[in-house]
Amino acid sequence: MLEQITKVIEQVSSSEIVKGGITSELTSAITKETGSSIMEGLKSSISSGDINGLTNLLSGQAANIAANPIVKDMITNLAGGLIGKLGLSDSVANNFANGVVPKVMETIVAKVQGGDSGFQISDIMSSLGGGSFQDILGSLTGGKDGIGGALDKLKGLF
């Protein structure tokens, strides 16, 4: 599952790197930083308890993906990483991050909505959390373990 998301990130990043006029020597490092920022953003939404926000994002219920708080955090983190770790200028890093992150998320959402194999919301959530999405969701909604069980499961994810 995560490999499929990583492939989407690599494809979109490569295209955006070319459009952004970024030197080819940085392609691998930028793609790695992009993947890390996006995956950490997805995982962070689970660990912070924003499962509903992530579910809404992945299911296409977010009207403007670029304005979604989860996506905005990913953009900010990616731009900061590109500036701090790779030495890109503020404008190049921000333009790249603002271009690539929404496109990656739009592609993932389209695959979820299209029913592409391996892009089921429950599979994505389970892959990000390392556990059963149904167990976590059940706990958050008052399942057999209650809110304490949900917190225990979320703590154990990361």
N, C-alpha and C. Protein backbone atom coordinates (compact mmCIF):
# COMPACT_ATOMS: atom_id res chain seq x y z
N MET A 1 0.82 -1.19 0.00
CA MET A 1 0.00 0.00 0.00
C MET A 1 0.86 1.26 0.00
N LEU A 2 1.76 1.36 0.95
CA LEU A 2 2.61 2.55 1.02
C LEU A 2 3.50 2.67 -0.20
N GLU A 3 3.86 1.51 -0.79
CA GLU A 3 4.67 1.54 -2.00
C GLU A 3 3.92 2.21 -3.14
N GLN A 4 2.61 1.97 -3.21
CA GLN A 4 1.80 2.57 -4.27
C GLN A 4 1.72 4.09 -4.10
N ILE A 5 1.59 4.53 -2.86
CA ILE A 5 1.57 5.96 -2.59
C ILE A 5 2.93 6.56 -2.92
N THR A 6 3.99 5.85 -2.57
CA THR A 6 5.34 6.31 -2.87
C THR A 6 5.55 6.46 -4.38
N LYS A 7 5.01 5.54 -5.17
CA LYS A 7 5.13 5.64 -6.63
C LYS A 7 4.43 6.88 -7.16
N VAL A 8 3.25 7.19 -6.60
CA VAL A 8 2.53 8.40 -7.00
C VAL A 8 3.39 9.62 -6.68
N ILE A 9 3.95 9.65 -5.49
CA ILE A 9 4.80 10.77 -5.07
C ILE A 9 5.98 10.93 -6.02
N GLU A 10 6.64 9.83 -6.37
CA GLU A 10 7.79 9.88 -7.28
C GLU A 10 7.40 10.41 -8.66
N GLN A 11 6.27 9.94 -9.18
CA GLN A 11 5.83 10.37 -10.51
C GLN A 11 5.52 11.86 -10.54
N VAL A 12 4.75 12.31 -9.58
CA VAL A 12 4.36 13.72 -9.56
C VAL A 12 5.57 14.60 -9.27
N SER A 13 6.42 14.18 -8.33
CA SER A 13 7.62 14.96 -7.99
C SER A 13 8.52 15.15 -9.19
N SER A 14 8.76 14.09 -9.94
CA SER A 14 9.63 14.17 -11.11
C SER A 14 9.11 15.21 -12.10
N SER A 15 7.83 15.19 -12.33
CA SER A 15 7.22 16.14 -13.24
C SER A 15 7.35 17.57 -12.73
N GLU A 16 7.11 17.78 -11.45
CA GLU A 16 7.19 19.12 -10.86
C GLU A 16 8.62 19.63 -10.79
N ILE A 17 9.58 18.73 -10.59
CA ILE A 17 10.99 19.13 -10.55
C ILE A 17 11.39 19.71 -11.91
N VAL A 18 10.98 19.05 -12.97
CA VAL A 18 11.29 19.53 -14.32
C VAL A 18 10.63 20.89 -14.55
N LYS A 19 9.36 21.02 -14.17
CA LYS A 19 8.64 22.28 -14.36
C LYS A 19 9.25 23.41 -13.53
N GLY A 20 9.77 23.07 -12.36
CA GLY A 20 10.32 24.09 -11.47
C GLY A 20 11.72 24.53 -11.81
N GLY A 21 12.32 23.91 -12.82
CA GLY A 21 13.67 24.28 -13.22
C GLY A 21 14.72 23.93 -12.18
N ILE A 22 14.46 22.90 -11.41
CA ILE A 22 15.40 22.47 -10.36
C ILE A 22 16.43 21.54 -11.00
N THR A 23 17.68 21.69 -10.58
CA THR A 23 18.75 20.89 -11.18
C THR A 23 18.53 19.40 -10.93
N SER A 24 18.93 18.62 -11.91
CA SER A 24 18.71 17.17 -11.86
C SER A 24 19.51 16.50 -10.74
N GLU A 25 20.59 17.13 -10.27
CA GLU A 25 21.38 16.54 -9.19
C GLU A 25 20.56 16.42 -7.90
N LEU A 26 19.57 17.27 -7.76
CA LEU A 26 18.77 17.28 -6.53
C LEU A 26 17.51 16.42 -6.63
N THR A 27 17.25 15.84 -7.79
CA THR A 27 16.01 15.10 -8.00
C THR A 27 15.77 14.04 -6.93
N SER A 28 16.74 13.21 -6.69
CA SER A 28 16.57 12.13 -5.72
C SER A 28 16.31 12.66 -4.31
N ALA A 29 17.09 13.65 -3.90
CA ALA A 29 16.93 14.21 -2.55
C ALA A 29 15.58 14.91 -2.41
N ILE A 30 15.15 15.62 -3.44
CA ILE A 30 13.87 16.32 -3.39
C ILE A 30 12.72 15.32 -3.36
N THR A 31 12.81 14.28 -4.17
CA THR A 31 11.77 13.25 -4.17
C THR A 31 11.70 12.57 -2.81
N LYS A 32 12.83 12.29 -2.21
CA LYS A 32 12.85 11.66 -0.90
C LYS A 32 12.23 12.59 0.15
N GLU A 33 12.59 13.85 0.12
CA GLU A 33 12.04 14.82 1.08
C GLU A 33 10.53 15.00 0.86
N THR A 34 10.11 14.99 -0.38
CA THR A 34 8.69 15.11 -0.68
C THR A 34 7.92 13.92 -0.12
N GLY A 35 8.44 12.74 -0.37
CA GLY A 35 7.79 11.53 0.16
C GLY A 35 7.73 11.53 1.67
N SER A 36 8.82 11.92 2.28
CA SER A 36 8.87 11.95 3.74
C SER A 36 7.85 12.95 4.30
N SER A 37 7.78 14.13 3.72
CA SER A 37 6.85 15.15 4.20
C SER A 37 5.40 14.72 4.05
N ILE A 38 5.07 14.12 2.93
CA ILE A 38 3.70 13.69 2.70
C ILE A 38 3.32 12.52 3.60
N MET A 39 4.19 11.53 3.69
CA MET A 39 3.88 10.38 4.54
C MET A 39 3.80 10.79 6.01
N GLU A 40 4.70 11.65 6.45
CA GLU A 40 4.65 12.12 7.84
C GLU A 40 3.38 12.93 8.10
N GLY A 41 2.96 13.69 7.10
CA GLY A 41 1.72 14.46 7.23
C GLY A 41 0.51 13.56 7.39
N LEU A 42 0.48 12.48 6.61
CA LEU A 42 -0.62 11.52 6.72
C LEU A 42 -0.59 10.82 8.07
N LYS A 43 0.60 10.39 8.48
CA LYS A 43 0.72 9.70 9.77
C LYS A 43 0.41 10.64 10.93
N SER A 44 0.83 11.87 10.81
CA SER A 44 0.59 12.85 11.86
C SER A 44 -0.89 13.08 12.08
N SER A 45 -1.67 13.06 11.01
CA SER A 45 -3.11 13.28 11.17
C SER A 45 -3.74 12.14 11.96
N ILE A 46 -3.20 10.94 11.82
CA ILE A 46 -3.71 9.81 12.60
C ILE A 46 -3.25 9.92 14.04
N SER A 47 -1.96 10.20 14.24
CA SER A 47 -1.45 10.24 15.61
C SER A 47 -2.04 11.40 16.41
N SER A 48 -2.45 12.46 15.71
CA SER A 48 -3.07 13.58 16.42
C SER A 48 -4.57 13.37 16.64
N GLY A 49 -5.09 12.28 16.09
CA GLY A 49 -6.50 11.96 16.28
C GLY A 49 -7.42 12.55 15.23
N ASP A 50 -6.86 13.12 14.15
CA ASP A 50 -7.70 13.72 13.11
C ASP A 50 -8.04 12.69 12.04
N ILE A 51 -8.55 11.58 12.48
CA ILE A 51 -8.92 10.50 11.55
C ILE A 51 -10.06 10.95 10.64
N ASN A 52 -11.01 11.68 11.19
CA ASN A 52 -12.12 12.18 10.40
C ASN A 52 -11.62 13.12 9.30
N GLY A 53 -10.69 14.01 9.65
CA GLY A 53 -10.13 14.93 8.65
C GLY A 53 -9.42 14.20 7.54
N LEU A 54 -8.64 13.18 7.90
CA LEU A 54 -7.92 12.41 6.90
C LEU A 54 -8.89 11.60 6.04
N THR A 55 -9.88 11.03 6.65
CA THR A 55 -10.88 10.27 5.90
C THR A 55 -11.61 11.18 4.92
N ASN A 56 -11.99 12.37 5.37
CA ASN A 56 -12.66 13.33 4.48
C ASN A 56 -11.75 13.73 3.32
N LEU A 57 -10.48 13.94 3.61
CA LEU A 57 -9.53 14.30 2.57
C LEU A 57 -9.40 13.19 1.54
N LEU A 58 -9.16 11.97 2.01
CA LEU A 58 -8.94 10.84 1.10
C LEU A 58 -10.19 10.45 0.32
N SER A 59 -11.34 10.70 0.87
CA SER A 59 -12.58 10.33 0.18
C SER A 59 -13.05 11.41 -0.78
N GLY A 60 -12.33 12.54 -0.83
CA GLY A 60 -12.68 13.59 -1.77
C GLY A 60 -13.71 14.56 -1.24
N GLN A 61 -13.97 14.52 0.06
CA GLN A 61 -14.95 15.42 0.63
C GLN A 61 -14.38 16.80 0.90
N ALA A 62 -13.07 16.95 0.78
CA ALA A 62 -12.43 18.26 0.94
C ALA A 62 -12.57 19.01 -0.38
N ALA A 63 -13.31 20.12 -0.36
CA ALA A 63 -13.61 20.84 -1.59
C ALA A 63 -12.35 21.37 -2.28
N ASN A 64 -11.46 21.96 -1.53
CA ASN A 64 -10.23 22.52 -2.09
C ASN A 64 -9.06 21.85 -1.39
N ILE A 65 -8.45 20.91 -2.05
CA ILE A 65 -7.39 20.11 -1.44
C ILE A 65 -6.25 20.98 -0.94
N ALA A 66 -5.85 21.98 -1.71
CA ALA A 66 -4.73 22.83 -1.31
C ALA A 66 -5.03 23.63 -0.04
N ALA A 67 -6.30 23.86 0.26
CA ALA A 67 -6.68 24.62 1.46
C ALA A 67 -6.92 23.72 2.66
N ASN A 68 -6.88 22.41 2.47
CA ASN A 68 -7.10 21.47 3.57
C ASN A 68 -5.98 21.62 4.60
N PRO A 69 -6.31 21.67 5.89
CA PRO A 69 -5.27 21.86 6.91
C PRO A 69 -4.18 20.78 6.90
N ILE A 70 -4.54 19.55 6.62
CA ILE A 70 -3.54 18.47 6.56
C ILE A 70 -2.58 18.73 5.41
N VAL A 71 -3.11 19.11 4.26
CA VAL A 71 -2.29 19.38 3.08
C VAL A 71 -1.44 20.63 3.29
N LYS A 72 -2.03 21.66 3.91
CA LYS A 72 -1.27 22.88 4.18
C LYS A 72 -0.07 22.59 5.08
N ASP A 73 -0.26 21.72 6.08
CA ASP A 73 0.86 21.34 6.94
C ASP A 73 1.94 20.60 6.14
N MET A 74 1.51 19.72 5.22
CA MET A 74 2.48 19.01 4.39
C MET A 74 3.29 19.98 3.54
N ILE A 75 2.61 20.97 2.97
CA ILE A 75 3.27 21.97 2.13
C ILE A 75 4.31 22.74 2.95
N THR A 76 3.89 23.18 4.13
CA THR A 76 4.79 23.94 5.00
C THR A 76 6.01 23.11 5.39
N ASN A 77 5.77 21.85 5.78
CA ASN A 77 6.87 20.98 6.18
C ASN A 77 7.82 20.68 5.03
N LEU A 78 7.25 20.45 3.85
CA LEU A 78 8.10 20.16 2.68
C LEU A 78 8.94 21.38 2.33
N ALA A 79 8.33 22.55 2.26
CA ALA A 79 9.09 23.76 1.92
C ALA A 79 10.21 23.98 2.93
N GLY A 80 9.90 23.81 4.22
CA GLY A 80 10.92 23.97 5.25
C GLY A 80 12.06 22.98 5.09
N GLY A 81 11.74 21.74 4.76
CA GLY A 81 12.76 20.72 4.55
C GLY A 81 13.63 21.01 3.34
N LEU A 82 13.00 21.48 2.28
CA LEU A 82 13.76 21.79 1.06
C LEU A 82 14.69 22.97 1.28
N ILE A 83 14.25 23.92 2.08
CA ILE A 83 15.09 25.09 2.38
C ILE A 83 16.20 24.69 3.35
N GLY A 84 15.80 24.06 4.45
CA GLY A 84 16.76 23.74 5.52
C GLY A 84 17.73 22.63 5.19
N LYS A 85 17.25 21.58 4.57
CA LYS A 85 18.09 20.41 4.30
C LYS A 85 18.81 20.46 2.97
N LEU A 86 18.14 21.03 1.96
CA LEU A 86 18.71 20.99 0.61
C LEU A 86 19.19 22.34 0.10
N GLY A 87 18.91 23.39 0.86
CA GLY A 87 19.40 24.71 0.50
C GLY A 87 18.70 25.38 -0.65
N LEU A 88 17.49 24.96 -0.97
CA LEU A 88 16.76 25.65 -2.04
C LEU A 88 16.34 27.03 -1.54
N SER A 89 16.16 27.95 -2.46
CA SER A 89 15.69 29.28 -2.08
C SER A 89 14.24 29.18 -1.60
N ASP A 90 13.82 30.18 -0.83
CA ASP A 90 12.44 30.19 -0.33
C ASP A 90 11.43 30.10 -1.46
N SER A 91 11.64 30.88 -2.51
CA SER A 91 10.65 30.92 -3.59
C SER A 91 10.59 29.60 -4.35
N VAL A 92 11.74 29.01 -4.64
CA VAL A 92 11.75 27.73 -5.36
C VAL A 92 11.11 26.64 -4.50
N ALA A 93 11.48 26.58 -3.23
CA ALA A 93 10.94 25.56 -2.32
C ALA A 93 9.43 25.72 -2.15
N ASN A 94 8.98 26.94 -1.94
CA ASN A 94 7.54 27.18 -1.75
C ASN A 94 6.75 26.90 -3.02
N ASN A 95 7.27 27.32 -4.17
CA ASN A 95 6.58 27.05 -5.43
C ASN A 95 6.48 25.55 -5.68
N PHE A 96 7.58 24.84 -5.43
CA PHE A 96 7.58 23.39 -5.64
C PHE A 96 6.59 22.72 -4.69
N ALA A 97 6.67 23.05 -3.40
CA ALA A 97 5.79 22.42 -2.41
C ALA A 97 4.32 22.71 -2.70
N ASN A 98 4.02 23.96 -3.07
CA ASN A 98 2.64 24.32 -3.38
C ASN A 98 2.13 23.67 -4.66
N GLY A 99 3.05 23.26 -5.53
CA GLY A 99 2.65 22.57 -6.75
C GLY A 99 2.53 21.08 -6.56
N VAL A 100 3.50 20.48 -5.88
CA VAL A 100 3.57 19.02 -5.83
C VAL A 100 2.60 18.40 -4.82
N VAL A 101 2.51 18.94 -3.63
CA VAL A 101 1.70 18.29 -2.58
C VAL A 101 0.22 18.19 -2.98
N PRO A 102 -0.41 19.30 -3.41
CA PRO A 102 -1.82 19.15 -3.83
C PRO A 102 -2.00 18.17 -4.98
N LYS A 103 -1.05 18.15 -5.93
CA LYS A 103 -1.17 17.23 -7.07
C LYS A 103 -1.05 15.78 -6.61
N VAL A 104 -0.14 15.51 -5.69
CA VAL A 104 0.00 14.15 -5.16
C VAL A 104 -1.31 13.75 -4.47
N MET A 105 -1.81 14.63 -3.63
CA MET A 105 -3.04 14.30 -2.89
C MET A 105 -4.23 14.17 -3.83
N GLU A 106 -4.32 15.02 -4.85
CA GLU A 106 -5.40 14.90 -5.83
C GLU A 106 -5.32 13.55 -6.55
N THR A 107 -4.12 13.11 -6.88
CA THR A 107 -3.94 11.82 -7.55
C THR A 107 -4.36 10.68 -6.64
N ILE A 108 -3.96 10.73 -5.38
CA ILE A 108 -4.35 9.69 -4.42
C ILE A 108 -5.86 9.67 -4.24
N VAL A 109 -6.47 10.85 -4.08
CA VAL A 109 -7.93 10.93 -3.92
C VAL A 109 -8.63 10.37 -5.15
N ALA A 110 -8.13 10.69 -6.35
CA ALA A 110 -8.74 10.17 -7.58
C ALA A 110 -8.67 8.65 -7.62
N LYS A 111 -7.54 8.09 -7.15
CA LYS A 111 -7.41 6.64 -7.13
C LYS A 111 -8.35 6.02 -6.10
N VAL A 112 -8.51 6.67 -4.96
CA VAL A 112 -9.45 6.17 -3.95
C VAL A 112 -10.87 6.21 -4.51
N GLN A 113 -11.25 7.35 -5.10
CA GLN A 113 -12.60 7.48 -5.64
C GLN A 113 -12.84 6.55 -6.84
N GLY A 114 -11.79 6.27 -7.59
CA GLY A 114 -11.91 5.39 -8.75
C GLY A 114 -11.88 3.92 -8.39
N GLY A 115 -11.67 3.63 -7.11
CA GLY A 115 -11.65 2.24 -6.66
C GLY A 115 -10.42 1.48 -7.11
N ASP A 116 -9.33 2.20 -7.42
CA ASP A 116 -8.10 1.54 -7.84
C ASP A 116 -7.66 0.53 -6.79
N SER A 117 -7.18 -0.59 -7.25
CA SER A 117 -6.70 -1.63 -6.36
C SER A 117 -5.60 -1.08 -5.46
N GLY A 118 -5.74 -1.31 -4.17
CA GLY A 118 -4.75 -0.87 -3.21
C GLY A 118 -4.96 0.54 -2.71
N PHE A 119 -5.98 1.22 -3.19
CA PHE A 119 -6.25 2.58 -2.76
C PHE A 119 -7.61 2.67 -2.06
N GLN A 120 -7.85 1.72 -1.19
CA GLN A 120 -9.04 1.77 -0.34
C GLN A 120 -8.69 2.55 0.92
N ILE A 121 -9.61 3.39 1.37
CA ILE A 121 -9.32 4.23 2.55
C ILE A 121 -8.91 3.37 3.74
N SER A 122 -9.60 2.29 3.97
CA SER A 122 -9.27 1.46 5.14
C SER A 122 -7.86 0.86 5.01
N ASP A 123 -7.45 0.50 3.79
CA ASP A 123 -6.09 -0.03 3.58
C ASP A 123 -5.04 1.05 3.82
N ILE A 124 -5.31 2.24 3.32
CA ILE A 124 -4.37 3.35 3.51
C ILE A 124 -4.22 3.66 5.00
N MET A 125 -5.35 3.76 5.69
CA MET A 125 -5.32 4.09 7.12
C MET A 125 -4.58 3.00 7.90
N SER A 126 -4.85 1.75 7.57
CA SER A 126 -4.18 0.65 8.27
C SER A 126 -2.67 0.67 8.00
N SER A 127 -2.29 0.95 6.76
CA SER A 127 -0.87 1.01 6.42
C SER A 127 -0.17 2.15 7.16
N LEU A 128 -0.82 3.26 7.26
CA LEU A 128 -0.23 4.41 7.94
C LEU A 128 -0.14 4.19 9.44
N GLY A 129 -1.14 3.49 9.98
CA GLY A 129 -1.17 3.29 11.42
C GLY A 129 -0.54 2.01 11.88
N GLY A 130 -0.31 1.11 10.97
CA GLY A 130 0.31 -0.15 11.34
C GLY A 130 -0.62 -1.09 12.07
N GLY A 131 -1.87 -0.78 12.12
CA GLY A 131 -2.83 -1.63 12.81
C GLY A 131 -4.13 -1.68 12.04
N SER A 132 -5.12 -2.23 12.66
CA SER A 132 -6.42 -2.35 12.01
C SER A 132 -7.19 -1.04 12.11
N PHE A 133 -7.52 -0.49 10.98
CA PHE A 133 -8.31 0.73 10.94
C PHE A 133 -9.66 0.52 11.62
N GLN A 134 -10.24 -0.64 11.43
CA GLN A 134 -11.54 -0.93 12.05
C GLN A 134 -11.44 -0.89 13.57
N ASP A 135 -10.35 -1.43 14.13
CA ASP A 135 -10.16 -1.41 15.58
C ASP A 135 -10.04 0.02 16.09
N ILE A 136 -9.24 0.82 15.39
CA ILE A 136 -9.05 2.21 15.81
C ILE A 136 -10.35 2.97 15.69
N LEU A 137 -11.02 2.83 14.57
CA LEU A 137 -12.28 3.54 14.35
C LEU A 137 -13.32 3.10 15.37
N GLY A 138 -13.38 1.80 15.64
CA GLY A 138 -14.33 1.30 16.64
C GLY A 138 -14.08 1.89 18.01
N SER A 139 -12.82 2.01 18.36
CA SER A 139 -12.48 2.58 19.66
C SER A 139 -12.83 4.05 19.72
N LEU A 140 -12.59 4.77 18.62
CA LEU A 140 -12.88 6.19 18.62
C LEU A 140 -14.37 6.47 18.65
N THR A 141 -15.14 5.53 18.16
CA THR A 141 -16.58 5.73 18.14
C THR A 141 -17.29 5.02 19.28
N GLY A 142 -16.55 4.68 20.30
CA GLY A 142 -17.18 4.08 21.47
C GLY A 142 -17.30 2.57 21.39
N GLY A 143 -16.44 1.96 20.61
CA GLY A 143 -16.45 0.50 20.51
C GLY A 143 -16.13 -0.14 21.84
N LYS A 144 -15.81 -1.39 21.82
CA LYS A 144 -15.65 -2.16 23.05
C LYS A 144 -14.58 -1.61 23.99
N ASP A 145 -13.56 -0.93 23.46
CA ASP A 145 -12.49 -0.41 24.32
C ASP A 145 -12.71 1.03 24.77
N GLY A 146 -13.66 1.74 24.16
CA GLY A 146 -13.92 3.12 24.54
C GLY A 146 -12.78 4.04 24.16
N ILE A 147 -12.84 5.28 24.65
CA ILE A 147 -11.84 6.28 24.30
C ILE A 147 -10.46 5.91 24.83
N GLY A 148 -10.39 5.27 26.00
CA GLY A 148 -9.09 4.84 26.53
C GLY A 148 -8.41 3.86 25.60
N GLY A 149 -9.19 2.95 25.04
CA GLY A 149 -8.64 1.99 24.09
C GLY A 149 -8.15 2.67 22.83
N ALA A 150 -8.89 3.69 22.40
CA ALA A 150 -8.48 4.44 21.21
C ALA A 150 -7.15 5.13 21.45
N LEU A 151 -7.02 5.76 22.60
CA LEU A 151 -5.77 6.45 22.92
C LEU A 151 -4.61 5.46 23.01
N ASP A 152 -4.85 4.31 23.62
CA ASP A 152 -3.80 3.29 23.70
C ASP A 152 -3.36 2.84 22.31
N LYS A 153 -4.32 2.64 21.42
CA LYS A 153 -4.00 2.20 20.08
C LYS A 153 -3.25 3.28 19.31
N LEU A 154 -3.68 4.53 19.46
CA LEU A 154 -3.00 5.61 18.77
C LEU A 154 -1.58 5.79 19.29
N LYS A 155 -1.39 5.65 20.58
CA LYS A 155 -0.03 5.75 21.15
C LYS A 155 0.87 4.66 20.57
N GLY A 156 0.31 3.49 20.38
CA GLY A 156 1.10 2.37 19.89
C GLY A 156 1.42 2.42 18.41
N LEU A 157 0.77 3.32 17.69
CA LEU A 157 1.00 3.39 16.25
C LEU A 157 2.37 3.94 15.91
N PHE A 158 2.88 4.84 16.75
CA PHE A 158 4.14 5.51 16.40
C PHE A 158 5.06 5.38 17.53
